[in-house]
Amino acid sequence: MDGTPRGTDPEHETDPPIDPLHEIDDALVRLRRLWSTAPRGPDMSSVLVVEACARTAGPSTVGEVARFAGVEHSTASRLVERAVRAGYVERTADGRRAALHLTAAGAALRERAVAFRTAWLAGILGDWPEADRVRFAQLLGRFSADVGERGPGKLLPPS
């Protein structure tokens, strides 16, 4: 497949009808490959930790980072430690748990990451009509919320 969704190319009007679930699956696999091969700057796990902390009102916790990143608590703890060593997050004691705060370097990293992502999206979606971008944002937001609520593990049959 060349990246053009089946059923949208006038030269292939005789193609079989598309199966939307397979088209979505194919697109998600392609996007995953894109993100996994994107040029790297700071460690991507630190970017995740910074993003999780930035989205929390007040101090964040390792548990909140785990939920945001979709990983086990022990994995999130290692990711947080990496971000602390890199100088993006500061860990302070807050009773029985660690409170996580963005440092100035962490806030700057988040600003750069958001600017990069939105510029990249603007380059991809710049030729789309505004109504298409708005509808895409609505549908992708809805899809993301449903995935966050249900998670892929909750939908898999028991093994």
Protein backbone atom coordinates (compact mmCIF):
# COMPACT_ATOMS: atom_id res chain seq x y z
CA MET A 1 0.00 0.00 0.00
CA ASP A 2 1.41 3.43 -0.94
CA GLY A 3 -0.20 5.38 1.91
CA THR A 4 -3.32 6.34 -0.06
CA PRO A 5 -6.31 4.79 1.68
CA ARG A 6 -8.12 2.35 -0.57
CA GLY A 7 -11.29 3.69 -2.04
CA THR A 8 -10.02 7.29 -2.27
CA ASP A 9 -8.01 7.05 -5.50
CA PRO A 10 -10.14 7.60 -8.64
CA GLU A 11 -7.75 5.37 -10.63
CA HIS A 12 -8.75 2.44 -8.42
CA GLU A 13 -12.52 2.80 -8.45
CA THR A 14 -12.84 -0.93 -9.06
CA ASP A 15 -11.00 -1.82 -5.83
CA PRO A 16 -13.08 -3.85 -3.40
CA PRO A 17 -14.94 -1.86 -0.75
CA ILE A 18 -12.74 -0.84 2.13
CA ASP A 19 -13.01 -2.37 5.57
CA PRO A 20 -12.75 0.66 7.88
CA LEU A 21 -11.36 -1.36 10.80
CA HIS A 22 -8.55 -2.76 8.67
CA GLU A 23 -7.82 0.70 7.24
CA ILE A 24 -7.63 2.18 10.74
CA ASP A 25 -5.42 -0.68 11.91
CA ASP A 26 -3.10 -0.20 8.94
CA ALA A 27 -2.91 3.56 9.57
CA LEU A 28 -2.12 3.07 13.26
CA VAL A 29 0.65 0.59 12.44
CA ARG A 30 2.14 3.06 9.95
CA LEU A 31 1.96 5.88 12.51
CA ARG A 32 3.65 3.72 15.15
CA ARG A 33 6.50 3.03 12.74
CA LEU A 34 6.78 6.75 12.02
CA TRP A 35 7.07 7.66 15.70
CA SER A 36 9.47 4.81 16.45
CA THR A 37 11.84 5.90 13.66
CA ALA A 38 11.55 9.67 14.17
CA PRO A 39 14.81 11.54 14.73
CA ARG A 40 15.67 11.59 18.41
CA GLY A 41 16.61 14.44 20.63
CA PRO A 42 16.13 13.99 24.35
CA ASP A 43 15.25 10.51 25.54
CA MET A 44 11.62 9.93 24.54
CA SER A 45 10.81 8.41 27.93
CA SER A 46 11.85 11.69 29.56
CA VAL A 47 9.56 13.57 27.17
CA LEU A 48 6.70 11.29 28.31
CA VAL A 49 7.47 11.94 31.98
CA VAL A 50 7.67 15.70 31.37
CA GLU A 51 4.37 15.63 29.48
CA ALA A 52 2.69 13.66 32.28
CA CYS A 53 3.93 16.11 34.91
CA ALA A 54 2.94 19.14 32.83
CA ARG A 55 -0.62 17.86 32.46
CA THR A 56 -1.12 17.45 36.21
CA ALA A 57 -2.41 20.34 38.28
CA GLY A 58 0.17 20.69 41.04
CA PRO A 59 2.77 18.06 41.83
CA SER A 60 2.59 14.79 39.92
CA THR A 61 3.24 11.27 41.19
CA VAL A 62 4.89 8.18 39.77
CA GLY A 63 1.42 6.59 39.64
CA GLU A 64 0.14 9.42 37.45
CA VAL A 65 3.14 9.05 35.16
CA ALA A 66 2.43 5.29 34.95
CA ARG A 67 -1.21 5.91 33.99
CA PHE A 68 -0.27 8.56 31.42
CA ALA A 69 2.45 6.41 29.83
CA GLY A 70 0.44 3.20 30.04
CA VAL A 71 3.15 1.33 31.95
CA GLU A 72 3.51 -0.48 35.25
CA HIS A 73 4.41 1.52 38.35
CA SER A 74 7.91 -0.01 38.51
CA THR A 75 8.57 0.97 34.88
CA ALA A 76 7.29 4.50 35.52
CA SER A 77 9.60 4.74 38.52
CA ARG A 78 12.60 3.96 36.29
CA LEU A 79 11.40 6.48 33.68
CA VAL A 80 11.02 9.15 36.35
CA GLU A 81 14.51 8.40 37.68
CA ARG A 82 15.92 8.86 34.16
CA ALA A 83 14.10 12.22 33.84
CA VAL A 84 15.39 13.28 37.27
CA ARG A 85 18.99 12.40 36.28
CA ALA A 86 18.54 14.39 33.04
CA GLY A 87 17.45 17.42 35.07
CA TYR A 88 13.90 17.64 33.71
CA VAL A 89 12.04 16.65 36.89
CA GLU A 90 12.68 17.18 40.58
CA ARG A 91 11.48 14.64 43.13
CA THR A 92 10.51 15.84 46.61
CA ALA A 93 9.02 13.98 49.57
CA ASP A 94 5.30 14.49 50.06
CA GLY A 95 4.32 12.30 52.96
CA ARG A 96 4.61 8.66 51.90
CA ARG A 97 4.97 9.39 48.19
CA ALA A 98 7.29 11.32 45.93
CA ALA A 99 6.00 14.57 44.48
CA LEU A 100 7.31 15.32 40.99
CA HIS A 101 7.84 18.87 39.78
CA LEU A 102 9.08 20.09 36.42
CA THR A 103 12.35 21.95 36.52
CA ALA A 104 13.03 24.95 34.28
CA ALA A 105 14.78 22.53 31.90
CA GLY A 106 11.71 20.26 31.96
CA ALA A 107 9.36 23.14 31.18
CA ALA A 108 11.64 24.23 28.33
CA LEU A 109 11.73 20.66 26.99
CA ARG A 110 7.94 20.52 27.01
CA GLU A 111 7.72 23.84 25.16
CA ARG A 112 10.14 22.56 22.49
CA ALA A 113 8.29 19.23 22.21
CA VAL A 114 4.88 20.89 21.82
CA ALA A 115 6.29 23.36 19.28
CA PHE A 116 7.89 20.52 17.31
CA ARG A 117 4.72 18.38 17.32
CA THR A 118 2.40 21.23 16.33
CA ALA A 119 4.76 22.42 13.58
CA TRP A 120 5.00 18.85 12.27
CA LEU A 121 1.19 18.53 12.31
CA ALA A 122 0.82 21.91 10.58
CA GLY A 123 3.14 20.67 7.82
CA ILE A 124 1.12 17.48 7.36
CA LEU A 125 -2.34 19.03 7.65
CA GLY A 126 -1.59 22.44 6.13
CA ASP A 127 -3.25 21.61 2.80
CA TRP A 128 -6.37 20.14 4.40
CA PRO A 129 -9.50 22.28 4.42
CA GLU A 130 -10.17 23.78 7.85
CA ALA A 131 -13.39 21.78 8.20
CA ASP A 132 -11.45 18.53 7.63
CA ARG A 133 -8.85 19.49 10.27
CA VAL A 134 -11.58 20.32 12.78
CA ARG A 135 -13.44 17.07 12.10
CA PHE A 136 -10.20 15.05 12.25
CA ALA A 137 -9.35 16.66 15.62
CA GLN A 138 -12.82 15.83 16.94
CA LEU A 139 -12.71 12.20 15.78
CA LEU A 140 -9.13 11.62 16.91
CA GLY A 141 -9.90 13.17 20.30
CA ARG A 142 -12.92 10.91 20.67
CA PHE A 143 -10.90 7.85 19.64
CA SER A 144 -8.08 8.77 22.05
CA ALA A 145 -10.54 9.26 24.92
CA ASP A 146 -12.15 5.88 24.25
CA VAL A 147 -8.76 4.15 24.09
CA GLY A 148 -7.77 5.85 27.35
CA GLU A 149 -10.99 4.77 29.01
CA ARG A 150 -11.07 1.18 27.74
CA GLY A 151 -7.46 0.48 26.89
CA PRO A 152 -6.49 -2.24 24.44
CA GLY A 153 -5.85 -4.80 27.20
CA LYS A 154 -9.46 -4.61 28.38
CA LEU A 155 -10.75 -5.58 24.94
CA LEU A 156 -8.51 -8.59 24.31
CA PRO A 157 -9.95 -12.05 24.89
CA PRO A 158 -8.40 -13.99 27.79
CA SER A 159 -5.41 -16.05 26.72
